Amino acid sequence: MSEQKKVAILISGGGSNMVSLVKSMTGDQAGDHPGRPCLVLSNKPDAGGLLKAAELGVPTEVIDHRNFKGDREAFEEALISAIDPYQPDVIAMAGFMRILTPKFITHYAGKMLNIHPSLLPKYKGLHTHQRAIEAGDAEAGCSVHEVTAELDGGPILGQARVPVLPNDTPDDLAARVLVKEHLLYPEVLKRFCQGERGSFEI
């Protein structure tokens, strides 16, 4: 097996996708997984995912965006200063709720993944489940894509679909999509660590 890739995971909340990624790399089912988690970083000190990461044995860091009072450049410089000592090969965004500047994205060009709760290119941005329901879509889902300077616009690496059911609320739909996210993201990460960039569906 080739040398394992170090994966840094960025979160802002409970970190359920982060947990699925870490377990895929370290759990009983990891086998010869080509990646291993080196860091979980949050922009919120009270993010529930930080404790989960620590319990899973992954180092954690916090860069509280509120300390930078809207100075995005200074915030991102602090992020880079916290991330780079871990020398990650991959940056996996897992519910990291800050829009990043081209400067940050360029620093990690070709290394960054993000999961988005829609079938991109549909419904970039927020409120994806509400928008899918309001549009009368028959199906919704999630996408993992490479991060580029265009918001939710990088090459799509994987997608998973779920039906939109009659009387679905956004929360109902979000819960079903989340189940698929936890299956899709680890599979895309594994392929990405192996150097595979083609898109697929599960």
C-alpha atoms as a PDB file:
ATOM      1  CA  MET A   1       0.000   0.000   0.000  1.00  0.00           C
ATOM      2  CA  SER A   2       1.203   3.506  -0.763  1.00  0.00           C
ATOM      3  CA  GLU A   3       1.925   5.947   2.038  1.00  0.00           C
ATOM      4  CA  GLN A   4      -1.167   7.053   3.909  1.00  0.00           C
ATOM      5  CA  LYS A   5      -2.515  10.525   3.252  1.00  0.00           C
ATOM      6  CA  LYS A   6      -3.071  12.830   6.214  1.00  0.00           C
ATOM      7  CA  VAL A   7      -6.594  14.238   6.357  1.00  0.00           C
ATOM      8  CA  ALA A   8      -7.610  17.409   8.219  1.00  0.00           C
ATOM      9  CA  ILE A   9     -11.354  17.809   8.786  1.00  0.00           C
ATOM     10  CA  LEU A  10     -12.991  21.216   9.303  1.00  0.00           C
ATOM     11  CA  ILE A  11     -16.281  21.444  11.206  1.00  0.00           C
ATOM     12  CA  SER A  12     -18.586  24.019  12.784  1.00  0.00           C
ATOM     13  CA  GLY A  13     -21.132  21.857  14.614  1.00  0.00           C
ATOM     14  CA  GLY A  14     -21.906  18.357  15.772  1.00  0.00           C
ATOM     15  CA  GLY A  15     -19.571  16.754  13.298  1.00  0.00           C
ATOM     16  CA  SER A  16     -21.633  13.745  12.226  1.00  0.00           C
ATOM     17  CA  ASN A  17     -19.941  13.642   8.815  1.00  0.00           C
ATOM     18  CA  MET A  18     -16.571  14.081  10.507  1.00  0.00           C
ATOM     19  CA  VAL A  19     -17.293  11.033  12.690  1.00  0.00           C
ATOM     20  CA  SER A  20     -18.197   8.950   9.633  1.00  0.00           C
ATOM     21  CA  LEU A  21     -14.953  10.025   7.942  1.00  0.00           C
ATOM     22  CA  VAL A  22     -12.773   9.310  10.985  1.00  0.00           C
ATOM     23  CA  LYS A  23     -14.358   5.915  11.590  1.00  0.00           C
ATOM     24  CA  SER A  24     -13.913   4.963   7.941  1.00  0.00           C
ATOM     25  CA  MET A  25     -10.176   5.637   8.310  1.00  0.00           C
ATOM     26  CA  THR A  26      -9.606   4.216  11.802  1.00  0.00           C
ATOM     27  CA  GLY A  27     -12.425   1.815  12.664  1.00  0.00           C
ATOM     28  CA  ASP A  28     -12.647  -1.948  12.333  1.00  0.00           C
ATOM     29  CA  GLN A  29     -13.768  -1.565   8.729  1.00  0.00           C
ATOM     30  CA  ALA A  30     -10.853   0.721   7.762  1.00  0.00           C
ATOM     31  CA  GLY A  31      -8.682  -2.105   6.435  1.00  0.00           C
ATOM     32  CA  ASP A  32      -6.048  -0.654   4.133  1.00  0.00           C
ATOM     33  CA  HIS A  33      -7.665   2.779   3.916  1.00  0.00           C
ATOM     34  CA  PRO A  34      -5.243   5.182   2.210  1.00  0.00           C
ATOM     35  CA  GLY A  35      -6.034   8.073   4.578  1.00  0.00           C
ATOM     36  CA  ARG A  36      -5.772   8.776   8.270  1.00  0.00           C
ATOM     37  CA  PRO A  37      -7.138  11.696  10.279  1.00  0.00           C
ATOM     38  CA  CYS A  38      -4.506  14.146  11.516  1.00  0.00           C
ATOM     39  CA  LEU A  39      -6.682  17.035  12.750  1.00  0.00           C
ATOM     40  CA  VAL A  40     -10.232  18.175  13.430  1.00  0.00           C
ATOM     41  CA  LEU A  41     -10.533  21.963  13.491  1.00  0.00           C
ATOM     42  CA  SER A  42     -13.578  24.086  14.317  1.00  0.00           C
ATOM     43  CA  ASN A  43     -14.331  27.785  14.096  1.00  0.00           C
ATOM     44  CA  LYS A  44     -16.604  27.388  17.164  1.00  0.00           C
ATOM     45  CA  PRO A  45     -15.191  26.470  20.589  1.00  0.00           C
ATOM     46  CA  ASP A  46     -18.493  24.844  21.594  1.00  0.00           C
ATOM     47  CA  ALA A  47     -18.841  22.659  18.481  1.00  0.00           C
ATOM     48  CA  GLY A  48     -20.007  19.243  19.625  1.00  0.00           C
ATOM     49  CA  GLY A  49     -17.765  17.554  17.095  1.00  0.00           C
ATOM     50  CA  LEU A  50     -14.623  18.601  18.978  1.00  0.00           C
ATOM     51  CA  LEU A  51     -15.387  16.299  21.906  1.00  0.00           C
ATOM     52  CA  LYS A  52     -16.320  13.488  19.512  1.00  0.00           C
ATOM     53  CA  ALA A  53     -13.012  13.926  17.694  1.00  0.00           C
ATOM     54  CA  ALA A  54     -11.047  13.865  20.948  1.00  0.00           C
ATOM     55  CA  GLU A  55     -12.877  10.702  21.994  1.00  0.00           C
ATOM     56  CA  LEU A  56     -11.840   9.157  18.674  1.00  0.00           C
ATOM     57  CA  GLY A  57      -8.222  10.078  19.379  1.00  0.00           C
ATOM     58  CA  VAL A  58      -7.892  12.826  16.773  1.00  0.00           C
ATOM     59  CA  PRO A  59      -6.054  16.081  17.644  1.00  0.00           C
ATOM     60  CA  THR A  60      -8.304  19.158  17.714  1.00  0.00           C
ATOM     61  CA  GLU A  61      -7.797  22.870  17.197  1.00  0.00           C
ATOM     62  CA  VAL A  62     -10.140  25.867  17.517  1.00  0.00           C
ATOM     63  CA  ILE A  63      -9.866  29.152  15.653  1.00  0.00           C
ATOM     64  CA  ASP A  64     -12.868  31.180  16.817  1.00  0.00           C
ATOM     65  CA  HIS A  65     -13.940  33.389  13.914  1.00  0.00           C
ATOM     66  CA  ARG A  66     -15.613  35.802  16.357  1.00  0.00           C
ATOM     67  CA  ASN A  67     -12.202  36.891  17.590  1.00  0.00           C
ATOM     68  CA  PHE A  68     -11.432  38.408  14.192  1.00  0.00           C
ATOM     69  CA  LYS A  69     -14.391  40.808  14.001  1.00  0.00           C
ATOM     70  CA  GLY A  70     -15.058  40.395  10.307  1.00  0.00           C
ATOM     71  CA  ASP A  71     -11.387  40.390   9.264  1.00  0.00           C
ATOM     72  CA  ARG A  72     -11.636  37.322   7.061  1.00  0.00           C
ATOM     73  CA  GLU A  73      -8.034  37.533   5.916  1.00  0.00           C
ATOM     74  CA  ALA A  74      -6.697  37.478   9.479  1.00  0.00           C
ATOM     75  CA  PHE A  75      -9.054  34.620  10.359  1.00  0.00           C
ATOM     76  CA  GLU A  76      -7.836  32.575   7.412  1.00  0.00           C
ATOM     77  CA  GLU A  77      -4.197  33.300   8.211  1.00  0.00           C
ATOM     78  CA  ALA A  78      -4.882  31.914  11.693  1.00  0.00           C
ATOM     79  CA  LEU A  79      -6.573  28.875  10.149  1.00  0.00           C
ATOM     80  CA  ILE A  80      -3.578  28.198   7.924  1.00  0.00           C
ATOM     81  CA  SER A  81      -1.195  28.638  10.861  1.00  0.00           C
ATOM     82  CA  ALA A  82      -3.202  26.050  12.824  1.00  0.00           C
ATOM     83  CA  ILE A  83      -3.572  23.565   9.952  1.00  0.00           C
ATOM     84  CA  ASP A  84      -0.151  23.605   8.293  1.00  0.00           C
ATOM     85  CA  PRO A  85       1.862  22.124  11.202  1.00  0.00           C
ATOM     86  CA  TYR A  86      -0.144  18.911  10.721  1.00  0.00           C
ATOM     87  CA  GLN A  87       0.973  18.786   7.055  1.00  0.00           C
ATOM     88  CA  PRO A  88      -2.350  17.486   5.689  1.00  0.00           C
ATOM     89  CA  ASP A  89      -2.585  16.025   2.213  1.00  0.00           C
ATOM     90  CA  VAL A  90      -6.367  16.475   2.154  1.00  0.00           C
ATOM     91  CA  ILE A  91      -8.672  19.081   3.706  1.00  0.00           C
ATOM     92  CA  ALA A  92     -12.199  17.715   4.159  1.00  0.00           C
ATOM     93  CA  MET A  93     -14.866  20.316   4.878  1.00  0.00           C
ATOM     94  CA  ALA A  94     -17.588  18.658   6.942  1.00  0.00           C
ATOM     95  CA  GLY A  95     -20.153  21.278   7.872  1.00  0.00           C
ATOM     96  CA  PHE A  96     -17.629  24.121   8.122  1.00  0.00           C
ATOM     97  CA  MET A  97     -19.934  27.129   7.903  1.00  0.00           C
ATOM     98  CA  ARG A  98     -17.541  29.846   6.789  1.00  0.00           C
ATOM     99  CA  ILE A  99     -17.151  31.019   3.212  1.00  0.00           C
ATOM    100  CA  LEU A 100     -13.462  30.879   2.338  1.00  0.00           C
ATOM    101  CA  THR A 101     -11.569  33.352   0.176  1.00  0.00           C
ATOM    102  CA  PRO A 102      -9.684  32.447  -3.005  1.00  0.00           C
ATOM    103  CA  LYS A 103      -6.429  33.030  -1.129  1.00  0.00           C
ATOM    104  CA  PHE A 104      -7.186  30.240   1.354  1.00  0.00           C
ATOM    105  CA  ILE A 105      -8.497  27.946  -1.364  1.00  0.00           C
ATOM    106  CA  THR A 106      -5.400  28.549  -3.488  1.00  0.00           C
ATOM    107  CA  HIS A 107      -3.174  27.659  -0.524  1.00  0.00           C
ATOM    108  CA  TYR A 108      -4.757  24.190  -0.476  1.00  0.00           C
ATOM    109  CA  ALA A 109      -5.530  23.925  -4.191  1.00  0.00           C
ATOM    110  CA  GLY A 110      -6.266  20.393  -5.324  1.00  0.00           C
ATOM    111  CA  LYS A 111      -6.494  19.154  -1.728  1.00  0.00           C
ATOM    112  CA  MET A 112      -9.926  20.349  -0.577  1.00  0.00           C
ATOM    113  CA  LEU A 113     -13.211  18.454  -0.506  1.00  0.00           C
ATOM    114  CA  ASN A 114     -16.669  19.581   0.599  1.00  0.00           C
ATOM    115  CA  ILE A 115     -20.018  17.869   1.019  1.00  0.00           C
ATOM    116  CA  HIS A 116     -23.137  19.781   0.002  1.00  0.00           C
ATOM    117  CA  PRO A 117     -26.753  18.728   0.679  1.00  0.00           C
ATOM    118  CA  SER A 118     -28.105  18.951  -2.857  1.00  0.00           C
ATOM    119  CA  LEU A 119     -27.622  17.375  -6.254  1.00  0.00           C
ATOM    120  CA  LEU A 120     -25.235  19.991  -7.569  1.00  0.00           C
ATOM    121  CA  PRO A 121     -25.275  22.076  -9.682  1.00  0.00           C
ATOM    122  CA  LYS A 122     -28.787  22.526  -8.261  1.00  0.00           C
ATOM    123  CA  TYR A 123     -29.250  24.601  -5.128  1.00  0.00           C
ATOM    124  CA  LYS A 124     -25.859  26.010  -4.328  1.00  0.00           C
ATOM    125  CA  GLY A 125     -25.755  27.826  -1.006  1.00  0.00           C
ATOM    126  CA  LEU A 126     -28.211  27.401   1.850  1.00  0.00           C
ATOM    127  CA  HIS A 127     -31.744  26.048   2.466  1.00  0.00           C
ATOM    128  CA  THR A 128     -31.259  23.305  -0.101  1.00  0.00           C
ATOM    129  CA  HIS A 129     -33.968  20.949   1.166  1.00  0.00           C
ATOM    130  CA  GLN A 130     -36.604  23.685   1.349  1.00  0.00           C
ATOM    131  CA  ARG A 131     -35.741  24.764  -2.174  1.00  0.00           C
ATOM    132  CA  ALA A 132     -35.965  21.213  -3.541  1.00  0.00           C
ATOM    133  CA  ILE A 133     -39.406  20.741  -1.968  1.00  0.00           C
ATOM    134  CA  GLU A 134     -40.683  24.114  -3.162  1.00  0.00           C
ATOM    135  CA  ALA A 135     -39.489  23.325  -6.698  1.00  0.00           C
ATOM    136  CA  GLY A 136     -41.518  20.120  -6.715  1.00  0.00           C
ATOM    137  CA  ASP A 137     -38.439  17.968  -7.324  1.00  0.00           C
ATOM    138  CA  ALA A 138     -38.963  14.202  -7.341  1.00  0.00           C
ATOM    139  CA  GLU A 139     -35.558  13.579  -5.817  1.00  0.00           C
ATOM    140  CA  ALA A 140     -32.906  15.302  -3.774  1.00  0.00           C
ATOM    141  CA  GLY A 141     -29.576  14.205  -2.393  1.00  0.00           C
ATOM    142  CA  CYS A 142     -26.008  15.218  -1.678  1.00  0.00           C
ATOM    143  CA  SER A 143     -22.788  15.872  -3.570  1.00  0.00           C
ATOM    144  CA  VAL A 144     -19.107  15.761  -2.681  1.00  0.00           C
ATOM    145  CA  HIS A 145     -17.010  18.121  -4.762  1.00  0.00           C
ATOM    146  CA  GLU A 146     -13.571  19.607  -4.960  1.00  0.00           C
ATOM    147  CA  VAL A 147     -13.418  23.102  -3.498  1.00  0.00           C
ATOM    148  CA  THR A 148     -12.646  25.909  -5.921  1.00  0.00           C
ATOM    149  CA  ALA A 149     -13.084  29.671  -5.713  1.00  0.00           C
ATOM    150  CA  GLU A 150     -16.642  29.293  -7.046  1.00  0.00           C
ATOM    151  CA  LEU A 151     -19.037  28.588  -4.141  1.00  0.00           C
ATOM    152  CA  ASP A 152     -20.218  24.948  -4.355  1.00  0.00           C
ATOM    153  CA  GLY A 153     -18.899  24.958  -7.909  1.00  0.00           C
ATOM    154  CA  GLY A 154     -15.901  22.628  -8.057  1.00  0.00           C
ATOM    155  CA  PRO A 155     -15.771  19.310  -9.928  1.00  0.00           C
ATOM    156  CA  ILE A 156     -18.303  16.815  -8.566  1.00  0.00           C
ATOM    157  CA  LEU A 157     -16.670  13.625  -7.271  1.00  0.00           C
ATOM    158  CA  GLY A 158     -19.708  11.737  -6.018  1.00  0.00           C
ATOM    159  CA  GLN A 159     -23.465  11.985  -5.522  1.00  0.00           C
ATOM    160  CA  ALA A 160     -26.222  10.099  -3.735  1.00  0.00           C
ATOM    161  CA  ARG A 161     -29.962  10.450  -4.357  1.00  0.00           C
ATOM    162  CA  VAL A 162     -33.061  10.107  -2.226  1.00  0.00           C
ATOM    163  CA  PRO A 163     -36.717  10.487  -3.233  1.00  0.00           C
ATOM    164  CA  VAL A 164     -38.666  13.551  -2.147  1.00  0.00           C
ATOM    165  CA  LEU A 165     -41.787  12.086  -0.536  1.00  0.00           C
ATOM    166  CA  PRO A 166     -45.270  13.613  -0.340  1.00  0.00           C
ATOM    167  CA  ASN A 167     -45.649  15.829   2.737  1.00  0.00           C
ATOM    168  CA  ASP A 168     -41.878  15.956   3.289  1.00  0.00           C
ATOM    169  CA  THR A 169     -40.678  18.790   5.489  1.00  0.00           C
ATOM    170  CA  PRO A 170     -37.142  20.129   5.040  1.00  0.00           C
ATOM    171  CA  ASP A 171     -36.183  18.338   8.271  1.00  0.00           C
ATOM    172  CA  ASP A 172     -37.604  15.030   7.012  1.00  0.00           C
ATOM    173  CA  LEU A 173     -35.677  15.339   3.786  1.00  0.00           C
ATOM    174  CA  ALA A 174     -32.496  16.482   5.542  1.00  0.00           C
ATOM    175  CA  ALA A 175     -32.567  13.406   7.794  1.00  0.00           C
ATOM    176  CA  ARG A 176     -32.801  11.026   4.835  1.00  0.00           C
ATOM    177  CA  VAL A 177     -30.090  12.869   2.921  1.00  0.00           C
ATOM    178  CA  LEU A 178     -27.794  12.802   5.969  1.00  0.00           C
ATOM    179  CA  VAL A 179     -27.884   9.002   6.001  1.00  0.00           C
ATOM    180  CA  LYS A 180     -26.587   9.082   2.424  1.00  0.00           C
ATOM    181  CA  GLU A 181     -23.977  11.715   3.279  1.00  0.00           C
ATOM    182  CA  HIS A 182     -22.468   9.362   5.856  1.00  0.00           C
ATOM    183  CA  LEU A 183     -22.116   6.686   3.160  1.00  0.00           C
ATOM    184  CA  LEU A 184     -21.003   8.906   0.286  1.00  0.00           C
ATOM    185  CA  TYR A 185     -18.368  11.121   1.875  1.00  0.00           C
ATOM    186  CA  PRO A 186     -16.147   8.314   3.238  1.00  0.00           C
ATOM    187  CA  GLU A 187     -16.207   6.564  -0.137  1.00  0.00           C
ATOM    188  CA  VAL A 188     -15.249   9.748  -2.013  1.00  0.00           C
ATOM    189  CA  LEU A 189     -12.489  10.480   0.498  1.00  0.00           C
ATOM    190  CA  LYS A 190     -11.047   6.999   0.078  1.00  0.00           C
ATOM    191  CA  ARG A 191     -11.029   7.336  -3.716  1.00  0.00           C
ATOM    192  CA  PHE A 192      -9.576  10.862  -3.497  1.00  0.00           C
ATOM    193  CA  CYS A 193      -6.735   9.624  -1.280  1.00  0.00           C
ATOM    194  CA  GLN A 194      -6.044   6.949  -3.900  1.00  0.00           C
ATOM    195  CA  GLY A 195      -5.781   9.626  -6.577  1.00  0.00           C
ATOM    196  CA  GLU A 196      -9.157   8.914  -8.199  1.00  0.00           C
ATOM    197  CA  ARG A 197     -11.000  12.030  -9.392  1.00  0.00           C
ATOM    198  CA  GLY A 198     -13.859  10.549 -11.437  1.00  0.00           C
ATOM    199  CA  SER A 199     -17.469  11.112 -10.414  1.00  0.00           C
ATOM    200  CA  PHE A 200     -19.710   8.261  -9.305  1.00  0.00           C
ATOM    201  CA  GLU A 201     -23.045   7.642  -7.582  1.00  0.00           C
ATOM    202  CA  ILE A 202     -24.037   5.387  -4.739  1.00  0.00           C
END
